[in-house]
Amino acid sequence: MSTEVAASAECTAEPPHRFAIGERLRVGNGILVTLSRVDEPYPPRDVFVTNREMKMGYENVYKACFVCVDQGVRENAIALPKDQIEAGLPLA
Protein backbone atom coordinates (compact mmCIF):
# COMPACT_ATOMS: atom_id res chain seq x y z
CA MET A 1 0.00 0.00 0.00
CA SER A 2 1.41 3.40 -0.92
CA THR A 3 0.77 6.75 0.68
CA GLU A 4 1.17 10.24 -0.75
CA VAL A 5 1.69 12.66 2.16
CA ALA A 6 4.03 15.59 1.61
CA ALA A 7 6.60 16.10 4.35
CA SER A 8 9.98 17.82 4.31
CA ALA A 9 13.60 16.90 4.90
CA GLU A 10 16.97 18.47 4.14
CA CYS A 11 20.60 17.46 3.87
CA THR A 12 23.45 18.70 6.05
CA ALA A 13 25.22 20.63 3.25
CA GLU A 14 25.55 24.42 3.47
CA PRO A 15 23.25 25.60 2.02
CA PRO A 16 21.15 22.45 2.45
CA HIS A 17 19.26 20.74 -0.35
CA ARG A 18 15.59 20.53 0.55
CA PHE A 19 13.37 17.55 -0.21
CA ALA A 20 9.72 16.59 -0.02
CA ILE A 21 8.99 13.11 1.23
CA GLY A 22 6.37 11.81 -1.15
CA GLU A 23 5.12 8.31 -1.74
CA ARG A 24 5.90 5.65 0.84
CA LEU A 25 5.56 1.92 0.34
CA ARG A 26 6.16 -0.82 2.90
CA VAL A 27 8.17 -3.56 1.16
CA GLY A 28 10.01 -6.67 2.36
CA ASN A 29 12.33 -5.59 5.16
CA GLY A 30 11.65 -1.87 5.13
CA ILE A 31 10.02 1.17 3.59
CA LEU A 32 10.62 2.61 0.13
CA VAL A 33 10.42 6.42 0.33
CA THR A 34 10.32 8.71 -2.71
CA LEU A 35 12.20 12.00 -2.25
CA SER A 36 11.70 14.98 -4.56
CA ARG A 37 13.91 18.03 -4.43
CA VAL A 38 11.88 21.18 -3.77
CA ASP A 39 14.49 23.96 -3.99
CA GLU A 40 15.49 23.20 -7.61
CA PRO A 41 14.25 20.89 -10.38
CA TYR A 42 15.73 17.41 -9.95
CA PRO A 43 14.50 13.89 -10.73
CA PRO A 44 12.83 12.16 -7.76
CA ARG A 45 14.69 9.27 -6.13
CA ASP A 46 13.61 6.25 -4.13
CA VAL A 47 15.43 5.67 -0.84
CA PHE A 48 15.16 2.38 1.05
CA VAL A 49 14.88 2.60 4.85
CA THR A 50 15.30 -0.75 6.58
CA ASN A 51 13.12 -1.95 9.44
CA ARG A 52 16.30 -2.12 11.51
CA GLU A 53 16.97 1.59 10.93
CA MET A 54 13.39 2.36 11.97
CA LYS A 55 13.83 0.44 15.25
CA MET A 56 16.99 2.31 16.27
CA GLY A 57 16.55 4.77 19.14
CA TYR A 58 17.06 7.95 17.11
CA GLU A 59 14.42 10.43 15.90
CA ASN A 60 15.85 10.54 12.37
CA VAL A 61 17.19 8.09 9.83
CA TYR A 62 20.20 9.45 7.91
CA LYS A 63 20.70 8.62 4.23
CA ALA A 64 23.30 9.87 1.76
CA CYS A 65 22.22 13.03 -0.09
CA PHE A 66 21.94 11.89 -3.70
CA VAL A 67 22.29 15.49 -4.96
CA CYS A 68 25.67 15.87 -3.23
CA VAL A 69 26.79 12.46 -4.48
CA ASP A 70 25.70 13.26 -8.06
CA GLN A 71 27.61 16.56 -7.96
CA GLY A 72 30.77 14.85 -6.67
CA VAL A 73 30.67 16.96 -3.52
CA ARG A 74 31.66 15.59 -0.13
CA GLU A 75 28.87 13.27 0.89
CA ASN A 76 26.29 14.81 3.22
CA ALA A 77 23.32 13.19 4.87
CA ILE A 78 19.58 13.71 4.55
CA ALA A 79 17.83 13.60 7.93
CA LEU A 80 14.54 11.77 7.45
CA PRO A 81 12.24 12.04 10.49
CA LYS A 82 10.92 8.58 11.38
CA ASP A 83 7.42 9.84 12.08
CA GLN A 84 7.26 11.31 8.56
CA ILE A 85 8.61 8.12 6.99
CA GLU A 86 5.83 6.07 8.58
CA ALA A 87 3.07 8.67 8.16
CA GLY A 88 0.00 7.03 6.68
CA LEU A 89 1.50 3.56 6.38
CA PRO A 90 -0.24 0.50 7.82
CA LEU A 91 1.51 -1.17 10.75
CA ALA A 92 4.18 -3.71 9.87
PDB file of N, CA and C in Angstrom:
ATOM      1  N   MET A   1       0.834  -1.169   0.000  1.00  0.00           N
ATOM      2  CA  MET A   1       0.000   0.000   0.000  1.00  0.00           C
ATOM      3  C   MET A   1       0.882   1.236   0.000  1.00  0.00           C
ATOM      4  N   SER A   2       0.607   2.179  -0.857  1.00  0.00           N
ATOM      5  CA  SER A   2       1.407   3.402  -0.921  1.00  0.00           C
ATOM      6  C   SER A   2       0.626   4.563  -0.329  1.00  0.00           C
ATOM      7  N   THR A   3       1.373   5.569   0.076  1.00  0.00           N
ATOM      8  CA  THR A   3       0.769   6.749   0.681  1.00  0.00           C
ATOM      9  C   THR A   3       1.435   7.977   0.095  1.00  0.00           C
ATOM     10  N   GLU A   4       0.641   8.999  -0.187  1.00  0.00           N
ATOM     11  CA  GLU A   4       1.166  10.243  -0.746  1.00  0.00           C
ATOM     12  C   GLU A   4       0.887  11.367   0.249  1.00  0.00           C
ATOM     13  N   VAL A   5       1.823  11.616   1.147  1.00  0.00           N
ATOM     14  CA  VAL A   5       1.692  12.656   2.157  1.00  0.00           C
ATOM     15  C   VAL A   5       2.966  13.488   2.101  1.00  0.00           C
ATOM     16  N   ALA A   6       2.839  14.760   1.728  1.00  0.00           N
ATOM     17  CA  ALA A   6       4.031  15.594   1.608  1.00  0.00           C
ATOM     18  C   ALA A   6       4.598  15.943   2.973  1.00  0.00           C
ATOM     19  N   ALA A   7       5.875  15.736   3.140  1.00  0.00           N
ATOM     20  CA  ALA A   7       6.604  16.101   4.348  1.00  0.00           C
ATOM     21  C   ALA A   7       7.960  16.605   3.878  1.00  0.00           C
ATOM     22  N   SER A   8       8.723  17.240   4.765  1.00  0.00           N
ATOM     23  CA  SER A   8       9.976  17.815   4.310  1.00  0.00           C
ATOM     24  C   SER A   8      11.179  17.244   5.043  1.00  0.00           C
ATOM     25  N   ALA A   9      12.313  17.322   4.356  1.00  0.00           N
ATOM     26  CA  ALA A   9      13.601  16.896   4.901  1.00  0.00           C
ATOM     27  C   ALA A   9      14.674  17.716   4.203  1.00  0.00           C
ATOM     28  N   GLU A  10      15.871  17.763   4.790  1.00  0.00           N
ATOM     29  CA  GLU A  10      16.971  18.473   4.139  1.00  0.00           C
ATOM     30  C   GLU A  10      18.283  17.799   4.481  1.00  0.00           C
ATOM     31  N   CYS A  11      19.281  18.046   3.628  1.00  0.00           N
ATOM     32  CA  CYS A  11      20.598  17.462   3.873  1.00  0.00           C
ATOM     33  C   CYS A  11      21.435  18.418   4.720  1.00  0.00           C
ATOM     34  N   THR A  12      22.582  17.938   5.152  1.00  0.00           N
ATOM     35  CA  THR A  12      23.447  18.703   6.050  1.00  0.00           C
ATOM     36  C   THR A  12      24.424  19.621   5.324  1.00  0.00           C
ATOM     37  N   ALA A  13      24.335  19.739   4.010  1.00  0.00           N
ATOM     38  CA  ALA A  13      25.215  20.635   3.249  1.00  0.00           C
ATOM     39  C   ALA A  13      24.866  22.082   3.581  1.00  0.00           C
ATOM     40  N   GLU A  14      25.799  22.982   3.304  1.00  0.00           N
ATOM     41  CA  GLU A  14      25.548  24.418   3.470  1.00  0.00           C
ATOM     42  C   GLU A  14      25.651  25.080   2.114  1.00  0.00           C
ATOM     43  N   PRO A  15      24.630  25.654   1.545  1.00  0.00           N
ATOM     44  CA  PRO A  15      23.255  25.600   2.022  1.00  0.00           C
ATOM     45  C   PRO A  15      22.667  24.205   1.776  1.00  0.00           C
ATOM     46  N   PRO A  16      21.695  23.799   2.584  1.00  0.00           N
ATOM     47  CA  PRO A  16      21.152  22.448   2.448  1.00  0.00           C
ATOM     48  C   PRO A  16      20.273  22.291   1.207  1.00  0.00           C
ATOM     49  N   HIS A  17      20.220  21.080   0.703  1.00  0.00           N
ATOM     50  CA  HIS A  17      19.262  20.739  -0.346  1.00  0.00           C
ATOM     51  C   HIS A  17      17.982  20.338   0.378  1.00  0.00           C
ATOM     52  N   ARG A  18      16.860  20.806  -0.116  1.00  0.00           N
ATOM     53  CA  ARG A  18      15.586  20.525   0.545  1.00  0.00           C
ATOM     54  C   ARG A  18      14.773  19.533  -0.288  1.00  0.00           C
ATOM     55  N   PHE A  19      14.115  18.632   0.433  1.00  0.00           N
ATOM     56  CA  PHE A  19      13.373  17.554  -0.213  1.00  0.00           C
ATOM     57  C   PHE A  19      11.962  17.445   0.358  1.00  0.00           C
ATOM     58  N   ALA A  20      11.058  16.958  -0.467  1.00  0.00           N
ATOM     59  CA  ALA A  20       9.720  16.593  -0.016  1.00  0.00           C
ATOM     60  C   ALA A  20       9.674  15.077   0.019  1.00  0.00           C
ATOM     61  N   ILE A  21       9.189  14.550   1.123  1.00  0.00           N
ATOM     62  CA  ILE A  21       8.986  13.109   1.234  1.00  0.00           C
ATOM     63  C   ILE A  21       7.621  12.843   0.622  1.00  0.00           C
ATOM     64  N   GLY A  22       7.614  12.069  -0.443  1.00  0.00           N
ATOM     65  CA  GLY A  22       6.371  11.810  -1.149  1.00  0.00           C
ATOM     66  C   GLY A  22       5.821  10.439  -0.854  1.00  0.00           C
ATOM     67  N   GLU A  23       5.716   9.641  -1.871  1.00  0.00           N
ATOM     68  CA  GLU A  23       5.124   8.314  -1.740  1.00  0.00           C
ATOM     69  C   GLU A  23       5.960   7.427  -0.825  1.00  0.00           C
ATOM     70  N   ARG A  24       5.261   6.626  -0.048  1.00  0.00           N
ATOM     71  CA  ARG A  24       5.897   5.650   0.837  1.00  0.00           C
ATOM     72  C   ARG A  24       5.257   4.303   0.560  1.00  0.00           C
ATOM     73  N   LEU A  25       6.065   3.266   0.617  1.00  0.00           N
ATOM     74  CA  LEU A  25       5.560   1.922   0.344  1.00  0.00           C
ATOM     75  C   LEU A  25       6.296   0.938   1.236  1.00  0.00           C
ATOM     76  N   ARG A  26       5.545   0.189   2.039  1.00  0.00           N
ATOM     77  CA  ARG A  26       6.157  -0.820   2.903  1.00  0.00           C
ATOM     78  C   ARG A  26       6.464  -2.037   2.024  1.00  0.00           C
ATOM     79  N   VAL A  27       7.738  -2.416   1.964  1.00  0.00           N
ATOM     80  CA  VAL A  27       8.175  -3.558   1.156  1.00  0.00           C
ATOM     81  C   VAL A  27       9.116  -4.432   1.985  1.00  0.00           C
ATOM     82  N   GLY A  28       9.076  -5.732   1.745  1.00  0.00           N
ATOM     83  CA  GLY A  28      10.005  -6.667   2.362  1.00  0.00           C
ATOM     84  C   GLY A  28      10.467  -6.289   3.746  1.00  0.00           C
ATOM     85  N   ASN A  29      11.711  -5.893   3.863  1.00  0.00           N
ATOM     86  CA  ASN A  29      12.331  -5.590   5.156  1.00  0.00           C
ATOM     87  C   ASN A  29      12.451  -4.102   5.427  1.00  0.00           C
ATOM     88  N   GLY A  30      11.539  -3.295   4.888  1.00  0.00           N
ATOM     89  CA  GLY A  30      11.647  -1.869   5.134  1.00  0.00           C
ATOM     90  C   GLY A  30      10.581  -1.053   4.437  1.00  0.00           C
ATOM     91  N   ILE A  31      10.929   0.206   4.206  1.00  0.00           N
ATOM     92  CA  ILE A  31      10.016   1.171   3.595  1.00  0.00           C
ATOM     93  C   ILE A  31      10.735   1.858   2.447  1.00  0.00           C
ATOM     94  N   LEU A  32      10.093   1.902   1.293  1.00  0.00           N
ATOM     95  CA  LEU A  32      10.620   2.609   0.133  1.00  0.00           C
ATOM     96  C   LEU A  32      10.000   4.008   0.144  1.00  0.00           C
ATOM     97  N   VAL A  33      10.852   5.023   0.216  1.00  0.00           N
ATOM     98  CA  VAL A  33      10.419   6.417   0.333  1.00  0.00           C
ATOM     99  C   VAL A  33      10.876   7.161  -0.917  1.00  0.00           C
ATOM    100  N   THR A  34       9.964   7.894  -1.552  1.00  0.00           N
ATOM    101  CA  THR A  34      10.317   8.709  -2.712  1.00  0.00           C
ATOM    102  C   THR A  34      10.597  10.131  -2.244  1.00  0.00           C
ATOM    103  N   LEU A  35      11.803  10.629  -2.590  1.00  0.00           N
ATOM    104  CA  LEU A  35      12.203  11.997  -2.249  1.00  0.00           C
ATOM    105  C   LEU A  35      12.243  12.838  -3.518  1.00  0.00           C
ATOM    106  N   SER A  36      11.653  14.025  -3.455  1.00  0.00           N
ATOM    107  CA  SER A  36      11.699  14.982  -4.558  1.00  0.00           C
ATOM    108  C   SER A  36      12.339  16.255  -4.050  1.00  0.00           C
ATOM    109  N   ARG A  37      13.251  16.785  -4.830  1.00  0.00           N
ATOM    110  CA  ARG A  37      13.906  18.030  -4.435  1.00  0.00           C
ATOM    111  C   ARG A  37      12.941  19.187  -4.654  1.00  0.00           C
ATOM    112  N   VAL A  38      12.832  20.078  -3.673  1.00  0.00           N
ATOM    113  CA  VAL A  38      11.878  21.184  -3.767  1.00  0.00           C
ATOM    114  C   VAL A  38      12.526  22.535  -4.025  1.00  0.00           C
ATOM    115  N   ASP A  39      13.840  22.658  -3.794  1.00  0.00           N
ATOM    116  CA  ASP A  39      14.487  23.957  -3.988  1.00  0.00           C
ATOM    117  C   ASP A  39      14.982  24.171  -5.414  1.00  0.00           C
ATOM    118  N   GLU A  40      15.101  23.120  -6.204  1.00  0.00           N
ATOM    119  CA  GLU A  40      15.495  23.197  -7.615  1.00  0.00           C
ATOM    120  C   GLU A  40      14.935  21.977  -8.335  1.00  0.00           C
ATOM    121  N   PRO A  41      14.721  22.070  -9.637  1.00  0.00           N
ATOM    122  CA  PRO A  41      14.253  20.891 -10.377  1.00  0.00           C
ATOM    123  C   PRO A  41      15.292  19.768 -10.325  1.00  0.00           C
ATOM    124  N   TYR A  42      14.843  18.565 -10.048  1.00  0.00           N
ATOM    125  CA  TYR A  42      15.730  17.406  -9.953  1.00  0.00           C
ATOM    126  C   TYR A  42      14.858  16.161 -10.006  1.00  0.00           C
ATOM    127  N   PRO A  43      15.318  15.107 -10.653  1.00  0.00           N
ATOM    128  CA  PRO A  43      14.496  13.894 -10.725  1.00  0.00           C
ATOM    129  C   PRO A  43      14.281  13.283  -9.332  1.00  0.00           C
ATOM    130  N   PRO A  44      13.074  12.801  -9.058  1.00  0.00           N
ATOM    131  CA  PRO A  44      12.826  12.162  -7.762  1.00  0.00           C
ATOM    132  C   PRO A  44      13.631  10.876  -7.624  1.00  0.00           C
ATOM    133  N   ARG A  45      13.930  10.497  -6.405  1.00  0.00           N
ATOM    134  CA  ARG A  45      14.687   9.268  -6.131  1.00  0.00           C
ATOM    135  C   ARG A  45      13.988   8.468  -5.054  1.00  0.00           C
ATOM    136  N   ASP A  46      14.101   7.161  -5.165  1.00  0.00           N
ATOM    137  CA  ASP A  46      13.608   6.255  -4.133  1.00  0.00           C
ATOM    138  C   ASP A  46      14.744   5.934  -3.180  1.00  0.00           C
ATOM    139  N   VAL A  47      14.459   5.971  -1.895  1.00  0.00           N
ATOM    140  CA  VAL A  47      15.428   5.671  -0.843  1.00  0.00           C
ATOM    141  C   VAL A  47      14.831   4.548  -0.006  1.00  0.00           C
ATOM    142  N   PHE A  48      15.628   3.513   0.258  1.00  0.00           N
ATOM    143  CA  PHE A  48      15.158   2.385   1.052  1.00  0.00           C
ATOM    144  C   PHE A  48      15.595   2.557   2.501  1.00  0.00           C
ATOM    145  N   VAL A  49      14.623   2.517   3.402  1.00  0.00           N
ATOM    146  CA  VAL A  49      14.876   2.601   4.847  1.00  0.00           C
ATOM    147  C   VAL A  49      14.545   1.233   5.435  1.00  0.00           C
ATOM    148  N   THR A  50      15.518   0.598   6.050  1.00  0.00           N
ATOM    149  CA  THR A  50      15.305  -0.748   6.577  1.00  0.00           C
ATOM    150  C   THR A  50      14.498  -0.714   7.877  1.00  0.00           C
ATOM    151  N   ASN A  51      13.843  -1.831   8.166  1.00  0.00           N
ATOM    152  CA  ASN A  51      13.122  -1.952   9.435  1.00  0.00           C
ATOM    153  C   ASN A  51      14.080  -1.779  10.604  1.00  0.00           C
ATOM    154  N   ARG A  52      15.288  -2.255  10.444  1.00  0.00           N
ATOM    155  CA  ARG A  52      16.298  -2.124  11.508  1.00  0.00           C
ATOM    156  C   ARG A  52      16.602  -0.650  11.798  1.00  0.00           C
ATOM    157  N   GLU A  53      16.738   0.155  10.744  1.00  0.00           N
ATOM    158  CA  GLU A  53      16.972   1.586  10.931  1.00  0.00           C
ATOM    159  C   GLU A  53      15.792   2.240  11.659  1.00  0.00           C
ATOM    160  N   MET A  54      14.583   1.787  11.350  1.00  0.00           N
ATOM    161  CA  MET A  54      13.392   2.356  11.974  1.00  0.00           C
ATOM    162  C   MET A  54      13.307   1.997  13.460  1.00  0.00           C
ATOM    163  N   LYS A  55      13.894   0.877  13.858  1.00  0.00           N
ATOM    164  CA  LYS A  55      13.834   0.441  15.252  1.00  0.00           C
ATOM    165  C   LYS A  55      14.930   1.063  16.117  1.00  0.00           C
ATOM    166  N   MET A  56      15.916   1.688  15.493  1.00  0.00           N
ATOM    167  CA  MET A  56      16.990   2.313  16.272  1.00  0.00           C
ATOM    168  C   MET A  56      16.427   3.472  17.084  1.00  0.00           C
ATOM    169  N   GLY A  57      17.058   3.798  18.186  1.00  0.00           N
ATOM    170  CA  GLY A  57      16.547   4.773  19.137  1.00  0.00           C
ATOM    171  C   GLY A  57      16.745   6.229  18.776  1.00  0.00           C
ATOM    172  N   TYR A  58      16.870   6.562  17.524  1.00  0.00           N
ATOM    173  CA  TYR A  58      17.056   7.949  17.112  1.00  0.00           C
ATOM    174  C   TYR A  58      15.763   8.482  16.507  1.00  0.00           C
ATOM    175  N   GLU A  59      15.609   9.818  16.490  1.00  0.00           N
ATOM    176  CA  GLU A  59      14.421  10.431  15.900  1.00  0.00           C
ATOM    177  C   GLU A  59      14.467  10.423  14.373  1.00  0.00           C
ATOM    178  N   ASN A  60      15.675  10.462  13.825  1.00  0.00           N
ATOM    179  CA  ASN A  60      15.847  10.542  12.367  1.00  0.00           C
ATOM    180  C   ASN A  60      16.618   9.344  11.836  1.00  0.00           C
ATOM    181  N   VAL A  61      16.379   9.053  10.574  1.00  0.00           N
ATOM    182  CA  VAL A  61      17.192   8.090   9.828  1.00  0.00           C
ATOM    183  C   VAL A  61      18.024   8.935   8.867  1.00  0.00           C
ATOM    184  N   TYR A  62      19.318   8.662   8.783  1.00  0.00           N
ATOM    185  CA  TYR A  62      20.196   9.446   7.908  1.00  0.00           C
ATOM    186  C   TYR A  62      20.564   8.635   6.673  1.00  0.00           C
ATOM    187  N   LYS A  63      20.354   9.229   5.505  1.00  0.00           N
ATOM    188  CA  LYS A  63      20.699   8.617   4.225  1.00  0.00           C
ATOM    189  C   LYS A  63      21.586   9.575   3.446  1.00  0.00           C
ATOM    190  N   ALA A  64      22.417   9.029   2.572  1.00  0.00           N
ATOM    191  CA  ALA A  64      23.300   9.874   1.761  1.00  0.00           C
ATOM    192  C   ALA A  64      22.473  10.802   0.875  1.00  0.00           C
ATOM    193  N   CYS A  65      22.898  12.056   0.780  1.00  0.00           N
ATOM    194  CA  CYS A  65      22.224  13.027  -0.090  1.00  0.00           C
ATOM    195  C   CYS A  65      22.613  12.719  -1.536  1.00  0.00           C
ATOM    196  N   PHE A  66      21.652  12.260  -2.318  1.00  0.00           N
ATOM    197  CA  PHE A  66      21.944  11.888  -3.703  1.00  0.00           C
ATOM    198  C   PHE A  66      22.329  13.084  -4.561  1.00  0.00           C
ATOM    199  N   VAL A  67      21.897  14.295  -4.209  1.00  0.00           N
ATOM    200  CA  VAL A  67      22.286  15.490  -4.961  1.00  0.00           C
ATOM    201  C   VAL A  67      23.777  15.753  -4.757  1.00  0.00           C
ATOM    202  N   CYS A  68      24.244  15.682  -3.511  1.00  0.00           N
ATOM    203  CA  CYS A  68      25.670  15.872  -3.227  1.00  0.00           C
ATOM    204  C   CYS A  68      26.513  14.801  -3.925  1.00  0.00           C
ATOM    205  N   VAL A  69      26.059  13.562  -3.851  1.00  0.00           N
ATOM    206  CA  VAL A  69      26.791  12.459  -4.482  1.00  0.00           C
ATOM    207  C   VAL A  69      26.855  12.674  -5.994  1.00  0.00           C
ATOM    208  N   ASP A  70      25.732  13.035  -6.612  1.00  0.00           N
ATOM    209  CA  ASP A  70      25.698  13.261  -8.062  1.00  0.00           C
ATOM    210  C   ASP A  70      26.608  14.407  -8.483  1.00  0.00           C
ATOM    211  N   GLN A  71      26.771  15.408  -7.641  1.00  0.00           N
ATOM    212  CA  GLN A  71      27.607  16.563  -7.957  1.00  0.00           C
ATOM    213  C   GLN A  71      29.073  16.320  -7.621  1.00  0.00           C
ATOM    214  N   GLY A  72      29.390  15.163  -7.021  1.00  0.00           N
ATOM    215  CA  GLY A  72      30.767  14.855  -6.669  1.00  0.00           C
ATOM    216  C   GLY A  72      31.263  15.640  -5.469  1.00  0.00           C
ATOM    217  N   VAL A  73      30.335  16.199  -4.711  1.00  0.00           N
ATOM    218  CA  VAL A  73      30.665  16.958  -3.515  1.00  0.00           C
ATOM    219  C   VAL A  73      30.807  15.984  -2.348  1.00  0.00           C
ATOM    220  N   ARG A  74      31.533  16.420  -1.319  1.00  0.00           N
ATOM    221  CA  ARG A  74      31.657  15.592  -0.125  1.00  0.00           C
ATOM    222  C   ARG A  74      30.263  15.129   0.291  1.00  0.00           C
ATOM    223  N   GLU A  75      30.169  13.851   0.585  1.00  0.00           N
ATOM    224  CA  GLU A  75      28.871  13.272   0.894  1.00  0.00           C
ATOM    225  C   GLU A  75      28.283  13.867   2.167  1.00  0.00           C
ATOM    226  N   ASN A  76      27.050  14.305   2.090  1.00  0.00           N
ATOM    227  CA  ASN A  76      26.291  14.812   3.223  1.00  0.00           C
ATOM    228  C   ASN A  76      25.102  13.889   3.442  1.00  0.00           C
ATOM    229  N   ALA A  77      24.431  14.072   4.535  1.00  0.00           N
ATOM    230  CA  ALA A  77      23.322  13.188   4.873  1.00  0.00           C
ATOM    231  C   ALA A  77      21.995  13.931   4.867  1.00  0.00           C
ATOM    232  N   ILE A  78      20.946  13.211   4.463  1.00  0.00           N
ATOM    233  CA  ILE A  78      19.580  13.712   4.547  1.00  0.00           C
ATOM    234  C   ILE A  78      18.993  13.151   5.837  1.00  0.00           C
ATOM    235  N   ALA A  79      18.489  14.024   6.685  1.00  0.00           N
ATOM    236  CA  ALA A  79      17.834  13.598   7.929  1.00  0.00           C
ATOM    237  C   ALA A  79      16.352  13.375   7.641  1.00  0.00           C
ATOM    238  N   LEU A  80      15.934  12.128   7.703  1.00  0.00           N
ATOM    239  CA  LEU A  80      14.544  11.775   7.452  1.00  0.00           C
ATOM    240  C   LEU A  80      13.862  11.458   8.781  1.00  0.00           C
ATOM    241  N   PRO A  81      12.927  12.302   9.231  1.00  0.00           N
ATOM    242  CA  PRO A  81      12.238  12.040  10.494  1.00  0.00           C
ATOM    243  C   PRO A  81      11.422  10.749  10.406  1.00  0.00           C
ATOM    244  N   LYS A  82      11.604   9.882  11.390  1.00  0.00           N
ATOM    245  CA  LYS A  82      10.922   8.584  11.382  1.00  0.00           C
ATOM    246  C   LYS A  82       9.406   8.720  11.339  1.00  0.00           C
ATOM    247  N   ASP A  83       8.871   9.693  12.071  1.00  0.00           N
ATOM    248  CA  ASP A  83       7.421   9.843  12.077  1.00  0.00           C
ATOM    249  C   ASP A  83       6.893  10.226  10.694  1.00  0.00           C
ATOM    250  N   GLN A  84       7.684  10.954   9.909  1.00  0.00           N
ATOM    251  CA  GLN A  84       7.263  11.315   8.563  1.00  0.00           C
ATOM    252  C   GLN A  84       7.452  10.164   7.583  1.00  0.00           C
ATOM    253  N   ILE A  85       8.413   9.296   7.837  1.00  0.00           N
ATOM    254  CA  ILE A  85       8.610   8.118   6.987  1.00  0.00           C
ATOM    255  C   ILE A  85       7.411   7.197   7.113  1.00  0.00           C
ATOM    256  N   GLU A  86       6.922   7.006   8.340  1.00  0.00           N
ATOM    257  CA  GLU A  86       5.828   6.067   8.582  1.00  0.00           C
ATOM    258  C   GLU A  86       4.443   6.690   8.450  1.00  0.00           C
ATOM    259  N   ALA A  87       4.355   7.997   8.218  1.00  0.00           N
ATOM    260  CA  ALA A  87       3.069   8.673   8.163  1.00  0.00           C
ATOM    261  C   ALA A  87       2.151   8.019   7.134  1.00  0.00           C
ATOM    262  N   GLY A  88       0.995   7.593   7.580  1.00  0.00           N
ATOM    263  CA  GLY A  88       0.002   7.033   6.684  1.00  0.00           C
ATOM    264  C   GLY A  88       0.189   5.584   6.291  1.00  0.00           C
ATOM    265  N   LEU A  89       1.271   4.965   6.729  1.00  0.00           N
ATOM    266  CA  LEU A  89       1.498   3.557   6.384  1.00  0.00           C
ATOM    267  C   LEU A  89       0.783   2.635   7.357  1.00  0.00           C
ATOM    268  N   PRO A  90       0.329   1.479   6.876  1.00  0.00           N
ATOM    269  CA  PRO A  90      -0.236   0.496   7.817  1.00  0.00           C
ATOM    270  C   PRO A  90       0.875  -0.067   8.688  1.00  0.00           C
ATOM    271  N   LEU A  91       0.525  -0.566   9.851  1.00  0.00           N
ATOM    272  CA  LEU A  91       1.513  -1.166  10.752  1.00  0.00           C
ATOM    273  C   LEU A  91       2.168  -2.365  10.105  1.00  0.00           C
ATOM    274  N   ALA A  92       3.433  -2.588  10.458  1.00  0.00           N
ATOM    275  CA  ALA A  92       4.181  -3.706   9.874  1.00  0.00           C
ATOM    276  C   ALA A  92       3.686  -5.021  10.401  1.00  0.00           C
TER     277      ALA A  92
END
